[in-house]
Amino acid sequence: MKPYTDVFIKGFCWGFLFFALHLYWLLDLLIIHSNSIRSIPFWLMSVSWFACIVAIWLMLQHYIHITKFADVTLIIVSSVLHVVFFYFLTYFSLCMCGVLEGYPLCNPLVLLSCVPQLLWCLKYIGFLGMLLSIMLCISFILKKYYLIGFICMLPLLSGFIFYQKKQFTMQSCMFLKPYWYGSKNPMHVGYKIAHDVTQSICKNHSITTVIMPESSFAWDITKYQDFIPLMCEHAQEVSIMFGTQRSVLGQLYNSYVVIKDGTVVFSYDKQHLLPLMERIPSFLNKLTFGEILCKKNNTFSYGTTSNDIIVINNIQFQLFVCSELLFEAKPVKGYPILFVCNDAWFRLSYIKQWILYFIVYFEALYDVPILFCTVTGLTNL
């Protein structure tokens, strides 16, 4: 058992190093947005969990390579194990939080987005087919499992590679960057939105649509109805889209609304909620880590509205709000996609860069164009 123990320990240390670097964004987020001393233990627990997954993966690889398999069989079995490893990370690794979801930043194919032409076959063979093809090629070239493991872990650093996404633009649309983020005064934010919309419309009379990201007005819009006609006062026949919150029958929703001529003409409630940020998993709550980033009285409910088709300049778009796209949480209907995201949570640029990578990957996987708009200015409007 000692060789396996040594491999496990080395794999754990290796995995801890990789994920400590990769999850530095989480540590930064917890330090900035959490006032709890439990944030550091939670981060260490998260890194250790992923390090254990890496250690088990490498231990299994070690077992396979010391077993007397034929060369071709060894390559196939090893490649399948790589695929299972990344599939688990991407789609199931957040089971440590008590939710049957994965960690999308571990998707190794996202790294290929820096050269989008490499993803040309993704829509034909899918995630598993392309990942298996890549792993087979790597396994044929490299014979030592630890070298293969090192190559396979490199995609975790994908956000550190700079890439400028090719622009997909729309005429008569304007992105309004909500630089009022951080204000705790809903009156200030509401008047600021109304003022900026008015200023923008007055400067450019050809604008027919104003698009703002998720959580642009981060309060219950039903309690501040007076702002709706105020925003539209000098924007007749202009659609104003922004993220907000809505309470219905005692349930609070993370919503995206469209107002026009002083009336809400479209509202959509987000159907996927992020653990810790938008909802509290019961398992983490039992471990006292549940309320690190949000309190029980400030969690959201799952949206039940099925209509996610939004119209921009007479073109139908399917609306995806933040994690709905990043976690591939709902079916793609074949329309162009409007993706809105509140990336103000993240100070580190490599996470915002990774979001751009994932947009390219998602476009290639489902063969649909994406119009995206985030808080910190990463937009193609």
Protein backbone atom coordinates (compact mmCIF):
# COMPACT_ATOMS: atom_id res chain seq x y z
CA MET A 1 0.00 0.00 0.00
CA LYS A 2 2.95 2.34 0.52
CA PRO A 3 3.44 3.17 -3.21
CA TYR A 4 -0.24 4.12 -3.42
CA THR A 5 0.07 6.24 -0.29
CA ASP A 6 3.07 8.05 -1.75
CA VAL A 7 1.22 8.65 -5.02
CA PHE A 8 -1.83 9.93 -3.13
CA ILE A 9 0.26 12.35 -1.04
CA LYS A 10 2.13 13.64 -4.11
CA GLY A 11 -1.13 13.97 -6.02
CA PHE A 12 -2.73 15.83 -3.14
CA CYS A 13 0.18 18.28 -2.90
CA TRP A 14 0.18 18.78 -6.66
CA GLY A 15 -3.59 19.27 -6.74
CA PHE A 16 -3.47 21.62 -3.75
CA LEU A 17 -0.88 23.77 -5.54
CA PHE A 18 -2.89 23.95 -8.77
CA PHE A 19 -6.22 24.65 -7.12
CA ALA A 20 -4.81 27.11 -4.59
CA LEU A 21 -3.63 29.14 -7.57
CA HIS A 22 -6.82 28.58 -9.53
CA LEU A 23 -9.19 29.28 -6.61
CA TYR A 24 -7.40 32.44 -5.53
CA TRP A 25 -10.40 34.29 -7.01
CA LEU A 26 -12.61 32.59 -4.40
CA LEU A 27 -10.29 33.60 -1.57
CA ASP A 28 -10.29 37.19 -2.82
CA LEU A 29 -14.09 37.17 -3.13
CA LEU A 30 -14.53 35.77 0.39
CA ILE A 31 -12.15 38.30 1.91
CA ILE A 32 -13.87 41.24 0.20
CA HIS A 33 -17.52 40.22 0.55
CA SER A 34 -17.53 38.14 3.74
CA ASN A 35 -17.14 39.47 7.24
CA SER A 36 -16.81 35.97 8.68
CA ILE A 37 -13.62 34.41 9.97
CA ARG A 38 -14.99 31.16 8.55
CA SER A 39 -14.13 32.28 5.01
CA ILE A 40 -10.48 31.13 5.22
CA PRO A 41 -11.32 27.64 6.57
CA PHE A 42 -13.97 27.30 3.87
CA TRP A 43 -11.45 28.21 1.16
CA LEU A 44 -8.93 25.71 2.55
CA MET A 45 -11.65 23.06 2.67
CA SER A 46 -12.56 23.77 -0.97
CA VAL A 47 -8.95 23.56 -2.17
CA SER A 48 -8.40 20.37 -0.16
CA TRP A 49 -11.53 18.79 -1.67
CA PHE A 50 -10.31 19.37 -5.22
CA ALA A 51 -6.81 18.25 -4.24
CA CYS A 52 -8.28 14.96 -2.99
CA ILE A 53 -10.01 14.45 -6.35
CA VAL A 54 -6.68 14.99 -8.13
CA ALA A 55 -4.93 12.59 -5.74
CA ILE A 56 -7.50 9.83 -6.33
CA TRP A 57 -7.28 10.40 -10.09
CA LEU A 58 -3.48 10.07 -10.10
CA MET A 59 -3.61 7.05 -7.80
CA LEU A 60 -5.94 5.30 -10.25
CA GLN A 61 -3.65 6.28 -13.12
CA HIS A 62 -0.72 4.78 -11.20
CA TYR A 63 -2.64 1.53 -10.71
CA ILE A 64 -3.50 1.36 -14.42
CA HIS A 65 0.08 1.94 -15.50
CA ILE A 66 1.56 -0.75 -13.25
CA THR A 67 -1.07 -3.27 -14.36
CA LYS A 68 -0.05 -5.47 -17.28
CA PHE A 69 -2.25 -4.01 -19.97
CA ALA A 70 -1.40 -4.08 -23.66
CA ASP A 71 -0.16 -0.70 -24.89
CA VAL A 72 -3.30 0.16 -26.84
CA THR A 73 -5.56 -0.97 -23.99
CA LEU A 74 -3.52 1.07 -21.52
CA ILE A 75 -3.86 4.20 -23.66
CA ILE A 76 -7.62 3.75 -24.03
CA VAL A 77 -8.23 3.02 -20.33
CA SER A 78 -6.01 5.92 -19.26
CA SER A 79 -7.77 8.31 -21.65
CA VAL A 80 -11.20 7.24 -20.44
CA LEU A 81 -10.08 7.87 -16.86
CA HIS A 82 -8.96 11.39 -17.85
CA VAL A 83 -12.38 12.02 -19.38
CA VAL A 84 -14.16 10.73 -16.27
CA PHE A 85 -11.95 12.97 -14.11
CA PHE A 86 -12.76 16.14 -16.03
CA TYR A 87 -16.41 15.20 -16.49
CA PHE A 88 -16.76 14.82 -12.72
CA LEU A 89 -14.99 18.13 -12.08
CA THR A 90 -17.09 19.98 -14.64
CA TYR A 91 -20.50 18.56 -13.81
CA PHE A 92 -20.50 16.99 -10.32
CA SER A 93 -17.61 18.31 -8.20
CA LEU A 94 -19.75 20.74 -6.18
CA CYS A 95 -21.33 17.78 -4.41
CA MET A 96 -19.11 18.92 -1.52
CA CYS A 97 -21.60 21.80 -1.19
CA GLY A 98 -24.51 19.41 -1.06
CA VAL A 99 -25.61 20.16 -4.64
CA LEU A 100 -25.43 17.86 -7.67
CA GLU A 101 -23.57 20.36 -9.84
CA GLY A 102 -20.08 20.83 -11.16
CA TYR A 103 -17.46 23.55 -11.28
CA PRO A 104 -17.53 24.90 -14.86
CA LEU A 105 -14.13 26.59 -14.56
CA CYS A 106 -12.62 23.08 -14.67
CA ASN A 107 -13.89 22.49 -18.20
CA PRO A 108 -10.61 21.81 -20.08
CA LEU A 109 -12.06 22.56 -23.53
CA VAL A 110 -12.54 26.21 -22.58
CA LEU A 111 -8.79 26.69 -23.00
CA LEU A 112 -9.17 26.01 -26.74
CA SER A 113 -11.29 29.15 -27.01
CA CYS A 114 -8.10 31.21 -27.31
CA VAL A 115 -8.00 29.78 -30.86
CA PRO A 116 -11.72 29.39 -31.70
CA GLN A 117 -10.94 27.48 -34.90
CA LEU A 118 -9.87 24.54 -32.72
CA LEU A 119 -13.48 24.15 -31.60
CA TRP A 120 -14.85 23.62 -35.12
CA CYS A 121 -15.93 20.02 -34.45
CA LEU A 122 -17.37 20.60 -30.97
CA LYS A 123 -20.96 20.96 -32.20
CA TYR A 124 -20.69 17.61 -34.02
CA ILE A 125 -19.05 15.37 -31.42
CA GLY A 126 -19.93 17.22 -28.21
CA PHE A 127 -18.00 17.71 -24.97
CA LEU A 128 -17.27 14.04 -24.28
CA GLY A 129 -16.32 13.19 -27.86
CA MET A 130 -13.87 16.05 -28.22
CA LEU A 131 -12.39 15.56 -24.76
CA LEU A 132 -11.83 11.84 -25.38
CA SER A 133 -10.18 12.58 -28.74
CA ILE A 134 -7.78 15.04 -27.13
CA MET A 135 -6.94 12.68 -24.26
CA LEU A 136 -6.27 9.81 -26.67
CA CYS A 137 -3.86 11.99 -28.64
CA ILE A 138 -2.04 13.10 -25.47
CA SER A 139 -1.84 9.51 -24.18
CA PHE A 140 -0.40 8.27 -27.50
CA ILE A 141 2.31 10.94 -27.39
CA LEU A 142 3.15 10.78 -23.68
CA LYS A 143 3.70 7.45 -21.95
CA LYS A 144 4.29 8.58 -18.35
CA TYR A 145 1.06 9.15 -16.47
CA TYR A 146 2.46 12.01 -14.38
CA LEU A 147 3.42 13.90 -17.56
CA ILE A 148 -0.06 13.31 -18.92
CA GLY A 149 -1.49 14.49 -15.62
CA PHE A 150 0.58 17.67 -15.74
CA ILE A 151 -0.58 18.46 -19.28
CA CYS A 152 -4.18 17.75 -18.29
CA MET A 153 -4.04 20.16 -15.35
CA LEU A 154 -2.82 23.10 -17.43
CA PRO A 155 -6.34 24.10 -18.63
CA LEU A 156 -7.07 25.18 -15.06
CA LEU A 157 -4.84 28.17 -15.77
CA SER A 158 -6.80 29.18 -18.89
CA GLY A 159 -7.95 32.53 -17.52
CA PHE A 160 -4.36 33.76 -17.34
CA ILE A 161 -4.06 33.72 -21.16
CA PHE A 162 -5.36 36.90 -22.74
CA TYR A 163 -7.85 36.69 -25.57
CA GLN A 164 -9.92 39.38 -27.30
CA LYS A 165 -13.27 38.01 -28.41
CA LYS A 166 -14.43 38.87 -31.92
CA GLN A 167 -17.26 41.36 -31.67
CA PHE A 168 -20.87 40.56 -32.51
CA THR A 169 -22.66 43.92 -32.53
CA MET A 170 -26.15 45.28 -33.01
CA GLN A 171 -27.11 48.69 -34.30
CA SER A 172 -29.30 51.00 -32.22
CA CYS A 173 -28.36 49.13 -29.01
CA MET A 174 -26.48 50.77 -26.16
CA PHE A 175 -24.75 49.16 -23.20
CA LEU A 176 -25.13 51.23 -20.04
CA LYS A 177 -22.34 50.42 -17.62
CA PRO A 178 -23.64 50.63 -14.03
CA TYR A 179 -20.67 52.29 -12.36
CA TRP A 180 -22.92 53.04 -9.38
CA TYR A 181 -22.26 49.51 -8.07
CA GLY A 182 -21.49 49.47 -4.38
CA SER A 183 -24.04 52.13 -3.48
CA LYS A 184 -26.30 51.03 -0.63
CA ASN A 185 -28.94 53.63 -1.45
CA PRO A 186 -31.65 52.44 -3.86
CA MET A 187 -32.87 56.02 -4.35
CA HIS A 188 -29.43 57.10 -5.53
CA VAL A 189 -29.11 54.14 -7.90
CA GLY A 190 -32.63 54.58 -9.29
CA TYR A 191 -32.13 58.26 -10.03
CA LYS A 192 -28.67 57.57 -11.45
CA ILE A 193 -30.09 55.00 -13.89
CA ALA A 194 -32.83 57.44 -14.92
CA HIS A 195 -30.29 60.25 -15.40
CA ASP A 196 -27.84 58.13 -17.43
CA VAL A 197 -30.59 56.72 -19.65
CA THR A 198 -31.87 60.25 -20.35
CA GLN A 199 -28.37 61.55 -21.10
CA SER A 200 -27.63 58.67 -23.46
CA ILE A 201 -30.89 59.02 -25.37
CA CYS A 202 -30.39 62.77 -25.76
CA LYS A 203 -26.90 62.25 -27.17
CA ASN A 204 -27.94 59.54 -29.63
CA HIS A 205 -31.52 59.67 -30.90
CA SER A 206 -31.08 56.47 -32.93
CA ILE A 207 -30.98 54.30 -29.80
CA THR A 208 -33.96 51.96 -29.51
CA THR A 209 -32.66 49.60 -26.82
CA VAL A 210 -30.68 50.20 -23.63
CA ILE A 211 -29.19 47.05 -22.10
CA MET A 212 -27.79 46.83 -18.57
CA PRO A 213 -26.32 43.75 -16.84
CA GLU A 214 -27.67 41.52 -14.12
CA SER A 215 -28.35 43.24 -10.75
CA SER A 216 -28.15 46.78 -12.16
CA PHE A 217 -30.87 47.75 -9.65
CA ALA A 218 -30.20 45.29 -6.82
CA TRP A 219 -33.39 45.89 -4.85
CA ASP A 220 -36.98 44.74 -5.06
CA ILE A 221 -38.35 46.69 -8.03
CA THR A 222 -41.92 46.17 -6.81
CA LYS A 223 -41.15 48.49 -3.89
CA TYR A 224 -39.75 51.22 -6.15
CA GLN A 225 -42.33 51.40 -8.92
CA ASP A 226 -41.94 55.20 -9.13
CA PHE A 227 -38.58 54.79 -10.85
CA ILE A 228 -40.09 52.98 -13.84
CA PRO A 229 -41.89 55.97 -15.42
CA LEU A 230 -38.96 58.17 -14.37
CA MET A 231 -36.52 56.06 -16.41
CA CYS A 232 -38.79 56.28 -19.45
CA GLU A 233 -39.59 59.99 -19.14
CA HIS A 234 -37.29 61.03 -22.01
CA ALA A 235 -37.07 57.61 -23.66
CA GLN A 236 -40.29 57.18 -25.56
CA GLU A 237 -40.41 54.02 -27.69
CA VAL A 238 -37.09 52.89 -26.16
CA SER A 239 -36.80 49.49 -24.48
CA ILE A 240 -34.77 49.61 -21.24
CA MET A 241 -33.48 46.25 -20.00
CA PHE A 242 -31.85 45.70 -16.63
CA GLY A 243 -31.36 43.17 -13.85
CA THR A 244 -33.21 43.65 -10.60
CA GLN A 245 -35.11 41.74 -7.92
CA ARG A 246 -38.81 40.95 -7.68
CA SER A 247 -40.92 39.73 -4.79
CA VAL A 248 -44.03 37.73 -5.61
CA LEU A 249 -46.19 36.14 -2.90
CA GLY A 250 -43.39 36.40 -0.37
CA GLN A 251 -40.76 34.87 -2.69
CA LEU A 252 -37.74 36.92 -3.82
CA TYR A 253 -36.43 36.38 -7.35
CA ASN A 254 -33.30 37.44 -9.20
CA SER A 255 -35.01 38.95 -12.22
CA TYR A 256 -34.39 40.61 -15.55
CA VAL A 257 -37.00 43.10 -16.76
CA VAL A 258 -37.77 45.20 -19.82
CA ILE A 259 -39.59 48.49 -19.40
CA LYS A 260 -41.03 50.61 -22.18
CA ASP A 261 -43.11 53.79 -22.01
CA GLY A 262 -43.35 53.55 -18.23
CA THR A 263 -44.54 49.94 -18.09
CA VAL A 264 -42.88 46.60 -17.39
CA VAL A 265 -43.43 44.68 -20.64
CA PHE A 266 -41.25 41.64 -19.86
CA SER A 267 -39.94 39.98 -16.73
CA TYR A 268 -37.92 36.81 -16.29
CA ASP A 269 -36.86 35.13 -13.04
CA LYS A 270 -33.51 33.36 -12.96
CA GLN A 271 -33.90 29.59 -12.86
CA HIS A 272 -30.43 28.61 -11.62
CA LEU A 273 -29.08 29.89 -8.31
CA LEU A 274 -25.43 29.94 -7.29
CA PRO A 275 -24.59 28.12 -4.06
CA LEU A 276 -23.46 30.50 -1.29
CA MET A 277 -24.16 33.65 -3.32
CA GLU A 278 -27.85 33.25 -4.14
CA ARG A 279 -28.92 30.29 -2.04
CA ILE A 280 -27.64 28.38 0.98
CA PRO A 281 -27.08 24.64 0.51
CA SER A 282 -28.41 22.78 3.55
CA PHE A 283 -25.25 20.66 3.77
CA LEU A 284 -22.95 23.68 4.09
CA ASN A 285 -25.39 25.26 6.50
CA LYS A 286 -24.98 22.26 8.78
CA LEU A 287 -21.21 22.76 8.60
CA THR A 288 -21.77 26.46 9.57
CA PHE A 289 -20.37 27.63 6.21
CA GLY A 290 -23.78 28.37 4.68
CA GLU A 291 -24.13 32.07 5.45
CA ILE A 292 -20.65 33.25 4.50
CA LEU A 293 -21.80 35.34 1.53
CA CYS A 294 -25.56 35.69 1.97
CA LYS A 295 -28.04 35.48 4.83
CA LYS A 296 -31.13 33.32 4.99
CA ASN A 297 -33.39 36.36 4.71
CA ASN A 298 -31.62 37.47 1.52
CA THR A 299 -31.66 34.29 -0.55
CA PHE A 300 -33.51 33.91 -3.84
CA SER A 301 -36.15 31.46 -4.98
CA TYR A 302 -35.97 29.48 -8.22
CA GLY A 303 -37.75 31.14 -11.11
CA THR A 304 -40.69 29.32 -12.63
CA THR A 305 -41.33 31.52 -15.67
CA SER A 306 -40.70 29.51 -18.83
CA ASN A 307 -40.72 32.47 -21.22
CA ASP A 308 -37.08 33.46 -21.69
CA ILE A 309 -37.42 34.87 -25.22
CA ILE A 310 -36.61 38.56 -25.33
CA VAL A 311 -36.94 40.80 -28.41
CA ILE A 312 -34.21 43.27 -29.39
CA ASN A 313 -34.71 45.29 -32.58
CA ASN A 314 -37.31 42.80 -33.83
CA ILE A 315 -34.88 39.88 -33.32
CA GLN A 316 -35.74 37.16 -30.82
CA PHE A 317 -33.05 36.28 -28.27
CA GLN A 318 -33.00 33.63 -25.59
CA LEU A 319 -32.08 35.22 -22.26
CA PHE A 320 -29.41 33.63 -20.06
CA VAL A 321 -28.64 35.23 -16.70
CA CYS A 322 -25.12 34.58 -15.37
CA SER A 323 -24.87 31.01 -14.03
CA GLU A 324 -27.65 29.75 -16.31
CA LEU A 325 -25.09 29.86 -19.12
CA LEU A 326 -21.91 29.15 -17.15
CA PHE A 327 -23.45 26.04 -15.58
CA GLU A 328 -25.34 25.08 -18.78
CA ALA A 329 -28.41 25.01 -16.56
CA LYS A 330 -31.17 25.12 -19.16
CA PRO A 331 -31.80 23.95 -22.75
CA VAL A 332 -30.69 26.08 -25.68
CA LYS A 333 -33.62 26.80 -28.00
CA GLY A 334 -31.62 27.76 -31.09
CA TYR A 335 -32.16 31.53 -30.92
CA PRO A 336 -29.29 34.00 -30.60
CA ILE A 337 -28.47 34.41 -26.90
CA LEU A 338 -28.47 37.53 -24.73
CA PHE A 339 -26.12 36.80 -21.83
CA VAL A 340 -26.14 39.23 -18.89
CA CYS A 341 -23.85 38.82 -15.92
CA ASN A 342 -22.86 40.63 -12.73
CA ASP A 343 -19.10 40.14 -12.67
CA ALA A 344 -18.66 42.95 -10.13
CA TRP A 345 -18.25 40.19 -7.55
CA PHE A 346 -14.81 39.45 -9.00
CA ARG A 347 -11.85 41.80 -8.75
CA LEU A 348 -9.39 39.49 -10.49
CA SER A 349 -9.20 39.87 -14.24
CA TYR A 350 -8.48 36.20 -14.99
CA ILE A 351 -11.99 35.18 -13.90
CA LYS A 352 -13.53 37.81 -16.17
CA GLN A 353 -11.23 36.58 -18.94
CA TRP A 354 -12.40 33.02 -18.32
CA ILE A 355 -16.03 34.17 -18.75
CA LEU A 356 -15.07 35.44 -22.22
CA TYR A 357 -13.48 32.07 -22.97
CA PHE A 358 -16.61 30.26 -21.89
CA ILE A 359 -18.79 32.43 -24.13
CA VAL A 360 -16.67 31.37 -27.13
CA TYR A 361 -16.89 27.72 -26.03
CA PHE A 362 -20.67 27.94 -25.58
CA GLU A 363 -21.10 29.52 -29.02
CA ALA A 364 -19.13 26.67 -30.61
CA LEU A 365 -20.92 23.95 -28.62
CA TYR A 366 -24.45 25.08 -29.52
CA ASP A 367 -23.68 26.95 -32.77
CA VAL A 368 -25.46 30.14 -31.67
CA PRO A 369 -24.20 33.76 -31.56
CA ILE A 370 -24.08 35.41 -28.13
CA LEU A 371 -24.67 39.08 -27.36
CA PHE A 372 -23.16 39.59 -23.93
CA CYS A 373 -23.08 42.35 -21.40
CA THR A 374 -21.31 42.41 -18.04
CA VAL A 375 -20.73 44.98 -15.33
CA THR A 376 -17.06 45.85 -15.71
CA GLY A 377 -17.21 46.82 -19.35
CA LEU A 378 -16.62 43.46 -21.02
CA THR A 379 -19.35 43.75 -23.61
CA ASN A 380 -19.83 43.51 -27.34
CA LEU A 381 -22.71 45.96 -27.69
